[in-house]
Amino acid sequence: MPDSAPLLRLSEVSVRFGGVSALADVDFCIEKGAVTALIGPNGAGKTTLLGVITGMVAAQHGRVELDGADITALAPHVRARQGVVRTFQNLEVFANMTVLENVMTGRHALVRYGVADSILRTPRFRAGERACREAALEKLEFVGLADKKDILAGELPYGSQRLLEMARAVAAEPRLLLLDEPAAGLNTQETKSLAALIARVRDELGITVGLVEHDMDLVMGISDAVTVLNFGTVLASGDPAQIQANPDVVAAYLGG
């Protein structure tokens, strides 16, 4: 179950692109240990909000906090080092690298050797690479791709490439994992398997998850909390049952 204090808190966040308001005074929280979904119609501001969380989009107004610390002005790579990891709607695997090498790239953010160690192949480099490989293999086992470790990532079926992205993301040991439409392009059975995997990421790995997704069966089945954006403002927040019963949400997004 989620802890009482939020891991992520956005307060009165506003973003404008030229004369267009993308987000207007948005308050948004992701509780520790929870799966929190962000839903809304196309153009509601979901991608912009993810950009604000990761630092790719600057908020003109408001505050972003990670575990109580103000990260509003921090660069994306600094936020990543602090445990904010994101996947994207479009596949971003390295097609000409093996499945294992792809996951190791996610793990390399945690290595402790330097450039000189890498060039000279020092004992610290070799030990770091062994640990990186072992951790990557563990994450491939976790998502069910261990037997594909030596295959080129580009040769995997689409659904397996989605699993590979998840393995690479969790290999970085994030505090907050942001999933941007992870079910895009998946069939019904693959989506059910994805839902089970997200639950295991939360329950077994203890990773807090933020989820942007259009598949409402997935959202309502896996989420602890749901926030609905509409025209850059928060329309409603609550648990899945409350959101499904909210007449404003039904009228704006879920449909009759």
Protein backbone atom coordinates (compact mmCIF):
# COMPACT_ATOMS: atom_id res chain seq x y z
CA MET A 1 0.00 0.00 0.00
CA PRO A 2 1.17 3.58 -0.63
CA ASP A 3 2.92 5.50 2.15
CA SER A 4 1.31 8.66 3.51
CA ALA A 5 3.86 11.15 2.12
CA PRO A 6 3.98 11.69 -1.64
CA LEU A 7 7.16 10.84 -3.50
CA LEU A 8 6.34 13.46 -6.15
CA ARG A 9 4.39 16.67 -5.69
CA LEU A 10 3.63 19.32 -8.31
CA SER A 11 2.16 22.53 -6.94
CA GLU A 12 0.41 25.18 -9.09
CA VAL A 13 2.43 24.24 -12.17
CA SER A 14 1.76 26.32 -15.28
CA VAL A 15 3.30 26.01 -18.75
CA ARG A 16 2.66 28.19 -21.79
CA PHE A 17 3.90 27.68 -25.32
CA GLY A 18 3.66 31.08 -26.95
CA GLY A 19 0.09 32.21 -26.33
CA VAL A 20 -1.20 28.70 -25.63
CA SER A 21 -1.70 27.46 -22.08
CA ALA A 22 -0.61 23.82 -21.89
CA LEU A 23 -0.91 23.52 -18.09
CA ALA A 24 -2.68 25.91 -15.74
CA ASP A 25 -2.08 25.76 -11.97
CA VAL A 26 -1.82 21.97 -11.90
CA ASP A 27 -1.53 20.21 -8.55
CA PHE A 28 -0.49 16.56 -8.90
CA CYS A 29 0.89 13.96 -6.51
CA ILE A 30 2.29 10.46 -6.82
CA GLU A 31 2.30 8.60 -3.52
CA LYS A 32 5.21 6.38 -2.53
CA GLY A 33 4.68 2.75 -3.44
CA ALA A 34 1.67 3.49 -5.66
CA VAL A 35 0.76 3.20 -9.31
CA THR A 36 -0.72 6.58 -10.19
CA ALA A 37 -2.31 7.07 -13.60
CA LEU A 38 -2.61 10.32 -15.51
CA ILE A 39 -5.37 10.23 -18.11
CA GLY A 40 -7.22 12.66 -20.33
CA PRO A 41 -8.14 13.40 -23.95
CA ASN A 42 -5.49 14.04 -26.57
CA GLY A 43 -4.09 17.53 -26.04
CA ALA A 44 -5.01 17.56 -22.35
CA GLY A 45 -1.40 18.24 -21.28
CA LYS A 46 -0.27 14.78 -20.16
CA THR A 47 2.97 14.73 -22.17
CA THR A 48 3.77 18.27 -21.07
CA LEU A 49 3.28 17.25 -17.45
CA LEU A 50 5.66 14.33 -17.87
CA GLY A 51 8.15 16.77 -19.37
CA VAL A 52 7.86 19.02 -16.32
CA ILE A 53 8.47 16.06 -14.00
CA THR A 54 11.58 14.94 -15.89
CA GLY A 55 12.89 18.46 -16.47
CA MET A 56 12.54 18.38 -20.25
CA VAL A 57 9.88 21.12 -20.05
CA ALA A 58 10.37 24.20 -17.87
CA ALA A 59 7.44 25.34 -15.78
CA GLN A 60 6.84 29.09 -15.96
CA HIS A 61 5.16 28.92 -12.56
CA GLY A 62 4.91 26.41 -9.75
CA ARG A 63 7.09 23.92 -7.91
CA VAL A 64 8.19 20.32 -8.39
CA GLU A 65 9.25 18.30 -5.35
CA LEU A 66 10.77 14.83 -5.16
CA ASP A 67 10.47 13.30 -1.72
CA GLY A 68 10.11 16.78 -0.22
CA ALA A 69 13.12 18.32 -2.01
CA ASP A 70 12.63 21.11 -4.54
CA ILE A 71 13.82 19.89 -7.96
CA THR A 72 12.09 22.57 -10.04
CA ALA A 73 15.36 24.03 -11.36
CA LEU A 74 17.30 20.78 -11.75
CA ALA A 75 18.42 19.57 -15.19
CA PRO A 76 17.00 16.32 -16.59
CA HIS A 77 20.23 14.34 -16.08
CA VAL A 78 20.37 15.42 -12.43
CA ARG A 79 16.78 14.29 -11.88
CA ALA A 80 17.65 10.98 -13.56
CA ARG A 81 20.53 10.51 -11.11
CA GLN A 82 18.08 11.18 -8.30
CA GLY A 83 15.89 8.32 -9.52
CA VAL A 84 13.40 9.75 -12.02
CA VAL A 85 13.34 7.38 -15.02
CA ARG A 86 11.00 7.54 -18.00
CA THR A 87 9.99 5.30 -20.90
CA PHE A 88 8.46 6.66 -24.10
CA GLN A 89 5.44 5.85 -26.22
CA ASN A 90 7.67 5.20 -29.25
CA LEU A 91 10.08 2.30 -28.87
CA GLU A 92 13.60 3.44 -27.97
CA VAL A 93 15.59 0.20 -27.95
CA PHE A 94 19.09 -0.01 -29.44
CA ALA A 95 18.27 -2.35 -32.32
CA ASN A 96 21.88 -3.31 -33.18
CA MET A 97 22.83 -4.15 -29.60
CA THR A 98 21.97 -7.40 -27.86
CA VAL A 99 19.08 -7.62 -25.43
CA LEU A 100 21.55 -7.88 -22.54
CA GLU A 101 23.59 -4.91 -23.73
CA ASN A 102 20.41 -2.82 -23.91
CA VAL A 103 19.65 -3.51 -20.27
CA MET A 104 23.24 -2.87 -19.26
CA THR A 105 22.97 0.65 -20.73
CA GLY A 106 20.24 1.35 -18.20
CA ARG A 107 22.40 -0.03 -15.41
CA HIS A 108 25.50 1.96 -16.36
CA ALA A 109 24.08 5.05 -14.68
CA LEU A 110 24.94 3.34 -11.38
CA VAL A 111 28.54 2.28 -12.12
CA ARG A 112 31.31 3.76 -10.03
CA TYR A 113 34.32 3.54 -12.37
CA GLY A 114 35.59 6.43 -14.50
CA VAL A 115 36.75 6.94 -18.07
CA ALA A 116 40.35 6.11 -17.17
CA ASP A 117 39.23 2.83 -15.58
CA SER A 118 37.35 1.97 -18.77
CA ILE A 119 40.31 2.74 -21.05
CA LEU A 120 42.84 0.88 -18.88
CA ARG A 121 40.39 -1.90 -17.98
CA THR A 122 41.32 -1.64 -14.33
CA PRO A 123 40.14 -4.11 -11.67
CA ARG A 124 37.49 -1.56 -10.68
CA PHE A 125 36.24 -1.48 -14.29
CA ARG A 126 36.12 -5.27 -14.55
CA ALA A 127 34.32 -5.61 -11.23
CA GLY A 128 31.84 -2.91 -12.20
CA GLU A 129 31.10 -4.57 -15.54
CA ARG A 130 30.54 -7.95 -13.86
CA ALA A 131 28.12 -6.41 -11.39
CA CYS A 132 26.37 -4.53 -14.19
CA ARG A 133 25.96 -7.71 -16.24
CA GLU A 134 24.64 -9.69 -13.27
CA ALA A 135 22.08 -7.00 -12.43
CA ALA A 136 20.99 -6.77 -16.07
CA LEU A 137 20.49 -10.54 -16.23
CA GLU A 138 18.36 -10.36 -13.08
CA LYS A 139 16.10 -7.77 -14.69
CA LEU A 140 15.81 -9.81 -17.89
CA GLU A 141 14.75 -12.76 -15.75
CA PHE A 142 12.25 -10.49 -14.02
CA VAL A 143 10.50 -9.57 -17.29
CA GLY A 144 10.85 -13.03 -18.84
CA LEU A 145 13.51 -12.32 -21.45
CA ALA A 146 16.56 -14.03 -19.95
CA ASP A 147 16.59 -16.67 -22.69
CA LYS A 148 16.79 -13.88 -25.32
CA LYS A 149 19.83 -12.13 -23.82
CA ASP A 150 22.14 -12.70 -26.79
CA ILE A 151 19.62 -11.81 -29.52
CA LEU A 152 19.83 -8.42 -31.22
CA ALA A 153 17.13 -6.22 -29.75
CA GLY A 154 15.82 -5.30 -33.20
CA GLU A 155 15.01 -8.97 -33.86
CA LEU A 156 12.59 -9.21 -30.93
CA PRO A 157 8.84 -9.06 -31.57
CA TYR A 158 7.25 -5.71 -30.75
CA GLY A 159 5.72 -6.89 -27.48
CA SER A 160 9.06 -8.27 -26.31
CA GLN A 161 10.74 -4.97 -27.13
CA ARG A 162 8.28 -3.32 -24.78
CA LEU A 163 9.37 -5.75 -22.06
CA LEU A 164 12.99 -4.96 -22.87
CA GLU A 165 12.32 -1.26 -22.31
CA MET A 166 10.84 -2.10 -18.92
CA ALA A 167 13.85 -4.24 -17.99
CA ARG A 168 16.25 -1.44 -18.99
CA ALA A 169 14.26 1.12 -16.99
CA VAL A 170 14.09 -0.91 -13.77
CA ALA A 171 17.80 -1.80 -14.12
CA ALA A 172 18.51 1.83 -13.22
CA GLU A 173 16.78 1.21 -9.86
CA PRO A 174 14.52 4.27 -10.14
CA ARG A 175 12.64 5.76 -7.26
CA LEU A 176 9.99 6.95 -9.71
CA LEU A 177 9.30 5.14 -12.99
CA LEU A 178 7.23 7.11 -15.50
CA LEU A 179 5.58 4.97 -18.18
CA ASP A 180 4.33 6.85 -21.24
CA GLU A 181 1.62 4.74 -22.92
CA PRO A 182 3.39 1.41 -22.35
CA ALA A 183 0.45 -0.53 -23.85
CA ALA A 184 0.60 1.29 -27.19
CA GLY A 185 0.66 -1.30 -29.98
CA LEU A 186 0.10 -4.29 -27.69
CA ASN A 187 -2.64 -6.85 -28.18
CA THR A 188 -5.10 -7.81 -25.47
CA GLN A 189 -3.04 -10.66 -24.01
CA GLU A 190 0.16 -8.61 -24.07
CA THR A 191 -1.64 -5.78 -22.27
CA LYS A 192 -2.83 -8.17 -19.55
CA SER A 193 0.74 -9.40 -19.12
CA LEU A 194 1.95 -5.80 -18.96
CA ALA A 195 -0.53 -5.02 -16.20
CA ALA A 196 0.76 -7.96 -14.16
CA LEU A 197 4.34 -6.82 -14.74
CA ILE A 198 3.62 -3.25 -13.60
CA ALA A 199 2.05 -4.66 -10.42
CA ARG A 200 5.21 -6.70 -9.80
CA VAL A 201 7.40 -3.63 -10.37
CA ARG A 202 5.44 -1.92 -7.61
CA ASP A 203 5.04 -4.87 -5.25
CA GLU A 204 8.28 -6.84 -5.69
CA LEU A 205 10.76 -4.12 -6.61
CA GLY A 206 9.16 -1.38 -4.50
CA ILE A 207 9.27 1.12 -7.36
CA THR A 208 6.71 3.94 -7.47
CA VAL A 209 5.04 4.18 -10.88
CA GLY A 210 3.48 7.06 -12.79
CA LEU A 211 1.42 5.87 -15.76
CA VAL A 212 0.11 7.78 -18.78
CA GLU A 213 -2.17 5.47 -20.73
CA HIS A 214 -5.26 5.45 -22.96
CA ASP A 215 -6.22 1.83 -22.27
CA MET A 216 -8.86 2.30 -19.58
CA ASP A 217 -9.07 -1.38 -18.68
CA LEU A 218 -5.35 -1.30 -17.88
CA VAL A 219 -5.60 2.01 -16.00
CA MET A 220 -8.58 1.06 -13.87
CA GLY A 221 -7.29 -2.43 -13.21
CA ILE A 222 -3.78 -1.55 -12.02
CA SER A 223 -3.89 1.99 -10.59
CA ASP A 224 -4.06 2.95 -6.94
CA ALA A 225 -4.96 6.53 -7.90
CA VAL A 226 -6.02 8.36 -11.06
CA THR A 227 -5.77 12.03 -12.03
CA VAL A 228 -7.70 13.35 -15.02
CA LEU A 229 -6.39 16.28 -17.06
CA ASN A 230 -8.62 18.26 -19.40
CA PHE A 231 -7.46 21.34 -21.34
CA GLY A 232 -4.40 21.65 -19.11
CA THR A 233 -6.25 21.61 -15.79
CA VAL A 234 -7.02 18.89 -13.27
CA LEU A 235 -10.59 17.74 -13.75
CA ALA A 236 -10.62 15.11 -11.01
CA SER A 237 -8.42 12.96 -8.79
CA GLY A 238 -9.31 9.84 -6.84
CA ASP A 239 -9.23 6.07 -6.84
CA PRO A 240 -10.40 4.23 -9.96
CA ALA A 241 -13.94 3.71 -8.66
CA GLN A 242 -14.32 7.42 -7.86
CA ILE A 243 -13.03 8.42 -11.28
CA GLN A 244 -15.34 6.03 -13.11
CA ALA A 245 -18.31 7.38 -11.15
CA ASN A 246 -17.43 11.07 -11.63
CA PRO A 247 -19.99 12.61 -14.04
CA ASP A 248 -17.58 15.34 -15.20
CA VAL A 249 -14.99 12.72 -16.13
CA VAL A 250 -17.59 10.59 -17.91
CA ALA A 251 -18.77 13.57 -19.91
CA ALA A 252 -15.27 14.80 -20.80
CA TYR A 253 -13.41 11.59 -21.39
CA LEU A 254 -14.74 8.17 -20.48
CA GLY A 255 -18.00 8.49 -22.37
CA GLY A 256 -21.43 7.20 -21.48
